[in-house]
N, C-alpha and C. Protein backbone atom coordinates (compact mmCIF):
# COMPACT_ATOMS: atom_id res chain seq x y z
N MET A 1 0.85 -1.18 0.00
CA MET A 1 0.00 0.00 0.00
C MET A 1 0.89 1.24 0.00
N THR A 2 0.61 2.17 -0.86
CA THR A 2 1.41 3.39 -0.97
C THR A 2 0.80 4.50 -0.14
N ALA A 3 1.59 5.54 0.11
CA ALA A 3 1.12 6.67 0.91
C ALA A 3 -0.15 7.31 0.33
N PRO A 4 -0.25 7.56 -0.97
CA PRO A 4 -1.48 8.16 -1.50
C PRO A 4 -2.72 7.29 -1.28
N GLU A 5 -2.54 5.97 -1.23
CA GLU A 5 -3.68 5.09 -0.97
C GLU A 5 -4.15 5.21 0.47
N VAL A 6 -3.23 5.44 1.38
CA VAL A 6 -3.55 5.52 2.80
C VAL A 6 -4.00 6.93 3.18
N LEU A 7 -3.34 7.93 2.64
CA LEU A 7 -3.59 9.31 3.02
C LEU A 7 -3.70 10.16 1.77
N PRO A 8 -4.91 10.32 1.25
CA PRO A 8 -5.07 11.10 0.03
C PRO A 8 -4.55 12.53 0.19
N ALA A 9 -4.03 13.07 -0.89
CA ALA A 9 -3.49 14.42 -0.86
C ALA A 9 -4.59 15.44 -0.61
N ARG A 10 -4.25 16.48 0.11
CA ARG A 10 -5.19 17.55 0.40
C ARG A 10 -5.25 18.47 -0.81
N THR A 11 -6.45 18.82 -1.19
CA THR A 11 -6.61 19.78 -2.28
C THR A 11 -6.90 21.14 -1.68
N MET A 12 -6.78 22.16 -2.47
CA MET A 12 -7.03 23.52 -1.98
C MET A 12 -8.48 23.68 -1.52
N CYS A 13 -9.38 22.86 -2.01
CA CYS A 13 -10.79 22.97 -1.65
C CYS A 13 -11.15 22.18 -0.40
N SER A 14 -10.22 21.39 0.12
CA SER A 14 -10.51 20.57 1.29
C SER A 14 -10.75 21.44 2.50
N PRO A 15 -11.85 21.19 3.21
CA PRO A 15 -12.14 22.00 4.38
C PRO A 15 -11.19 21.67 5.54
N VAL A 16 -10.88 22.68 6.30
CA VAL A 16 -10.04 22.52 7.49
C VAL A 16 -10.97 22.44 8.69
N PRO A 17 -10.98 21.32 9.40
CA PRO A 17 -11.83 21.22 10.58
C PRO A 17 -11.43 22.26 11.62
N THR A 18 -12.42 22.84 12.24
CA THR A 18 -12.15 23.81 13.30
C THR A 18 -12.07 23.07 14.62
N LEU A 19 -10.88 23.08 15.20
CA LEU A 19 -10.67 22.44 16.49
C LEU A 19 -10.80 23.47 17.59
N THR A 20 -11.32 23.04 18.74
CA THR A 20 -11.36 23.92 19.89
C THR A 20 -9.93 24.10 20.38
N ALA A 21 -9.72 25.10 21.21
CA ALA A 21 -8.38 25.33 21.76
C ALA A 21 -7.90 24.10 22.53
N ARG A 22 -8.79 23.47 23.28
CA ARG A 22 -8.41 22.29 24.06
C ARG A 22 -8.12 21.10 23.14
N GLU A 23 -8.91 20.93 22.07
CA GLU A 23 -8.63 19.85 21.12
C GLU A 23 -7.26 20.05 20.48
N GLU A 24 -6.97 21.28 20.12
CA GLU A 24 -5.66 21.59 19.52
C GLU A 24 -4.54 21.29 20.51
N GLN A 25 -4.74 21.64 21.77
CA GLN A 25 -3.74 21.39 22.80
C GLN A 25 -3.53 19.88 23.00
N VAL A 26 -4.63 19.13 23.07
CA VAL A 26 -4.52 17.68 23.23
C VAL A 26 -3.84 17.07 22.02
N LEU A 27 -4.23 17.48 20.83
CA LEU A 27 -3.63 16.95 19.60
C LEU A 27 -2.13 17.20 19.57
N THR A 28 -1.72 18.42 19.75
CA THR A 28 -0.29 18.74 19.63
C THR A 28 0.52 18.11 20.76
N THR A 29 -0.08 17.97 21.93
CA THR A 29 0.63 17.29 23.03
C THR A 29 0.76 15.81 22.72
N TRP A 30 -0.30 15.21 22.20
CA TRP A 30 -0.27 13.78 21.89
C TRP A 30 0.75 13.48 20.79
N LEU A 31 0.91 14.39 19.87
CA LEU A 31 1.87 14.17 18.78
C LEU A 31 3.30 14.06 19.28
N VAL A 32 3.60 14.62 20.43
CA VAL A 32 4.97 14.57 20.96
C VAL A 32 5.12 13.64 22.15
N CYS A 33 4.04 13.03 22.59
CA CYS A 33 4.10 12.10 23.71
C CYS A 33 4.04 10.65 23.22
N ASP A 34 4.47 9.76 24.09
CA ASP A 34 4.48 8.34 23.73
C ASP A 34 3.13 7.66 23.90
N SER A 35 2.28 8.21 24.76
CA SER A 35 1.00 7.54 25.03
C SER A 35 -0.05 8.55 25.45
N LYS A 36 -1.30 8.11 25.43
CA LYS A 36 -2.40 8.94 25.91
C LYS A 36 -2.26 9.19 27.40
N GLN A 37 -1.71 8.22 28.12
CA GLN A 37 -1.48 8.40 29.56
C GLN A 37 -0.48 9.53 29.81
N ASP A 38 0.56 9.61 28.99
CA ASP A 38 1.54 10.71 29.11
C ASP A 38 0.87 12.06 28.87
N VAL A 39 -0.01 12.12 27.88
CA VAL A 39 -0.74 13.36 27.58
C VAL A 39 -1.60 13.74 28.78
N ALA A 40 -2.32 12.76 29.32
CA ALA A 40 -3.19 13.01 30.46
C ALA A 40 -2.41 13.57 31.63
N GLN A 41 -1.27 12.99 31.93
CA GLN A 41 -0.44 13.48 33.04
C GLN A 41 0.08 14.88 32.76
N HIS A 42 0.50 15.13 31.54
CA HIS A 42 1.05 16.43 31.17
C HIS A 42 -0.01 17.54 31.25
N LEU A 43 -1.25 17.22 30.84
CA LEU A 43 -2.32 18.23 30.80
C LEU A 43 -3.24 18.18 32.02
N PHE A 44 -2.96 17.27 32.96
CA PHE A 44 -3.76 17.15 34.18
C PHE A 44 -5.22 16.83 33.88
N ILE A 45 -5.41 15.87 32.98
CA ILE A 45 -6.74 15.37 32.64
C ILE A 45 -6.68 13.85 32.66
N THR A 46 -7.81 13.20 32.52
CA THR A 46 -7.81 11.73 32.52
C THR A 46 -7.48 11.20 31.13
N THR A 47 -7.05 9.96 31.11
CA THR A 47 -6.79 9.29 29.84
C THR A 47 -8.07 9.20 29.01
N ALA A 48 -9.19 8.99 29.69
CA ALA A 48 -10.48 8.93 28.98
C ALA A 48 -10.79 10.26 28.29
N THR A 49 -10.44 11.36 28.93
CA THR A 49 -10.67 12.68 28.33
C THR A 49 -9.78 12.86 27.10
N VAL A 50 -8.55 12.41 27.19
CA VAL A 50 -7.65 12.46 26.03
C VAL A 50 -8.26 11.66 24.89
N HIS A 51 -8.71 10.45 25.19
CA HIS A 51 -9.32 9.60 24.17
C HIS A 51 -10.54 10.28 23.55
N THR A 52 -11.38 10.91 24.37
CA THR A 52 -12.57 11.61 23.87
C THR A 52 -12.19 12.74 22.93
N HIS A 53 -11.20 13.53 23.31
CA HIS A 53 -10.77 14.64 22.43
C HIS A 53 -10.24 14.10 21.10
N LEU A 54 -9.42 13.06 21.15
CA LEU A 54 -8.86 12.52 19.91
C LEU A 54 -9.94 11.92 19.03
N THR A 55 -10.93 11.30 19.64
CA THR A 55 -12.06 10.76 18.88
C THR A 55 -12.82 11.89 18.18
N ARG A 56 -13.05 12.97 18.89
CA ARG A 56 -13.75 14.12 18.29
C ARG A 56 -12.94 14.75 17.17
N ILE A 57 -11.64 14.83 17.36
CA ILE A 57 -10.76 15.38 16.31
C ILE A 57 -10.84 14.51 15.07
N ARG A 58 -10.72 13.20 15.26
CA ARG A 58 -10.81 12.28 14.12
C ARG A 58 -12.17 12.37 13.44
N ASP A 59 -13.23 12.51 14.24
CA ASP A 59 -14.58 12.66 13.67
C ASP A 59 -14.67 13.92 12.80
N LYS A 60 -14.07 15.00 13.27
CA LYS A 60 -14.09 16.25 12.50
C LYS A 60 -13.35 16.08 11.17
N TYR A 61 -12.23 15.39 11.20
CA TYR A 61 -11.51 15.14 9.95
C TYR A 61 -12.29 14.21 9.05
N HIS A 62 -12.95 13.22 9.62
CA HIS A 62 -13.77 12.31 8.82
C HIS A 62 -14.92 13.08 8.16
N GLN A 63 -15.57 13.97 8.91
CA GLN A 63 -16.67 14.77 8.36
C GLN A 63 -16.18 15.69 7.24
N ALA A 64 -14.94 16.11 7.33
CA ALA A 64 -14.35 16.95 6.28
C ALA A 64 -13.83 16.12 5.10
N GLN A 65 -14.10 14.82 5.15
CA GLN A 65 -13.67 13.88 4.12
C GLN A 65 -12.15 13.84 4.00
N ARG A 66 -11.49 13.96 5.14
CA ARG A 66 -10.04 13.89 5.23
C ARG A 66 -9.68 13.00 6.41
N PRO A 67 -9.98 11.70 6.32
CA PRO A 67 -9.78 10.82 7.46
C PRO A 67 -8.33 10.80 7.95
N ALA A 68 -8.19 10.61 9.25
CA ALA A 68 -6.88 10.53 9.88
C ALA A 68 -6.97 9.48 10.99
N SER A 69 -6.85 8.24 10.60
CA SER A 69 -7.08 7.16 11.55
C SER A 69 -5.85 6.76 12.36
N SER A 70 -4.68 7.25 11.98
CA SER A 70 -3.46 6.91 12.73
C SER A 70 -2.81 8.19 13.28
N LYS A 71 -1.87 7.99 14.18
CA LYS A 71 -1.16 9.13 14.75
C LYS A 71 -0.37 9.87 13.66
N VAL A 72 0.24 9.13 12.75
CA VAL A 72 1.00 9.75 11.66
C VAL A 72 0.07 10.56 10.77
N ALA A 73 -1.11 10.01 10.47
CA ALA A 73 -2.07 10.73 9.63
C ALA A 73 -2.52 12.02 10.33
N LEU A 74 -2.74 11.96 11.65
CA LEU A 74 -3.11 13.18 12.37
C LEU A 74 -1.97 14.19 12.37
N LEU A 75 -0.74 13.73 12.45
CA LEU A 75 0.40 14.63 12.37
C LEU A 75 0.41 15.36 11.03
N VAL A 76 0.22 14.60 9.96
CA VAL A 76 0.19 15.20 8.63
C VAL A 76 -0.94 16.23 8.54
N ARG A 77 -2.13 15.87 8.99
CA ARG A 77 -3.26 16.79 8.94
C ARG A 77 -2.98 18.04 9.77
N ALA A 78 -2.42 17.87 10.96
CA ALA A 78 -2.13 19.02 11.83
C ALA A 78 -1.15 19.97 11.16
N ILE A 79 -0.16 19.43 10.48
CA ILE A 79 0.81 20.27 9.76
C ILE A 79 0.15 20.92 8.56
N GLU A 80 -0.62 20.15 7.77
CA GLU A 80 -1.30 20.70 6.61
C GLU A 80 -2.20 21.88 6.98
N ASP A 81 -2.85 21.76 8.13
CA ASP A 81 -3.85 22.75 8.51
C ASP A 81 -3.32 23.85 9.43
N GLY A 82 -2.02 23.83 9.68
CA GLY A 82 -1.41 24.91 10.44
C GLY A 82 -1.58 24.82 11.94
N TYR A 83 -1.97 23.66 12.46
CA TYR A 83 -2.10 23.51 13.91
C TYR A 83 -0.74 23.36 14.56
N CYS A 84 0.25 22.93 13.79
CA CYS A 84 1.63 22.84 14.27
C CYS A 84 2.55 22.77 13.05
N THR A 85 3.83 22.87 13.30
CA THR A 85 4.83 22.71 12.25
C THR A 85 5.78 21.59 12.66
N LEU A 86 6.56 21.11 11.71
CA LEU A 86 7.58 20.13 12.07
C LEU A 86 8.56 20.70 13.08
N HIS A 87 8.85 21.98 12.95
CA HIS A 87 9.75 22.65 13.89
C HIS A 87 9.15 22.61 15.31
N ASP A 88 7.85 22.88 15.43
CA ASP A 88 7.19 22.81 16.74
C ASP A 88 7.34 21.42 17.35
N ILE A 89 7.10 20.41 16.54
CA ILE A 89 7.17 19.03 17.02
C ILE A 89 8.60 18.69 17.44
N ALA A 90 9.57 19.02 16.60
CA ALA A 90 10.97 18.74 16.91
C ALA A 90 11.41 19.45 18.18
N ARG A 91 11.01 20.69 18.33
CA ARG A 91 11.36 21.46 19.52
C ARG A 91 10.74 20.84 20.77
N ALA A 92 9.51 20.39 20.67
CA ALA A 92 8.82 19.79 21.82
C ALA A 92 9.39 18.43 22.17
N ILE A 93 9.81 17.67 21.18
CA ILE A 93 10.36 16.34 21.44
C ILE A 93 11.72 16.44 22.10
N GLY A 94 12.52 17.42 21.73
CA GLY A 94 13.86 17.58 22.30
C GLY A 94 13.87 17.53 23.82
N PRO A 95 13.13 18.41 24.51
CA PRO A 95 13.12 18.39 25.98
C PRO A 95 12.52 17.11 26.55
N LEU A 96 11.52 16.53 25.87
CA LEU A 96 10.91 15.31 26.36
C LEU A 96 11.92 14.16 26.34
N ASN A 97 12.68 14.04 25.26
CA ASN A 97 13.65 12.97 25.15
C ASN A 97 14.80 13.16 26.13
N SER A 98 15.26 14.38 26.34
CA SER A 98 16.36 14.60 27.25
C SER A 98 15.94 14.32 28.69
N ALA A 99 14.66 14.48 29.02
CA ALA A 99 14.18 14.18 30.36
C ALA A 99 14.22 12.69 30.62
N HIS A 100 14.01 11.86 29.57
CA HIS A 100 14.03 10.41 29.73
C HIS A 100 15.46 9.87 29.74
N ALA A 101 16.42 10.63 29.23
CA ALA A 101 17.79 10.15 29.10
C ALA A 101 18.47 10.02 30.46
N GLY A 102 18.05 10.80 31.44
CA GLY A 102 18.72 10.81 32.75
C GLY A 102 18.27 9.76 33.61
């Protein structure tokens, strides 16, 4: 299976789902964390709440006919839609990885 089969290219006409500020925060935090539990601890919410936010985000992308069923697909969508950049992700991962190294 090739990338275009899994994640169709975004066209200029593709709608950008509007995420709430909290959905955006959960999404971008999840993209740099290893698990939903890590996100929950970082944001002081439950793992179930993280799961609920991610489900709603995926639903919004599905409704926009731009499905994102995996973490990688959500990363691509978040970058395409300006919710984060690769630089943001790299910068956020740096401190997280150095904290685990000690």
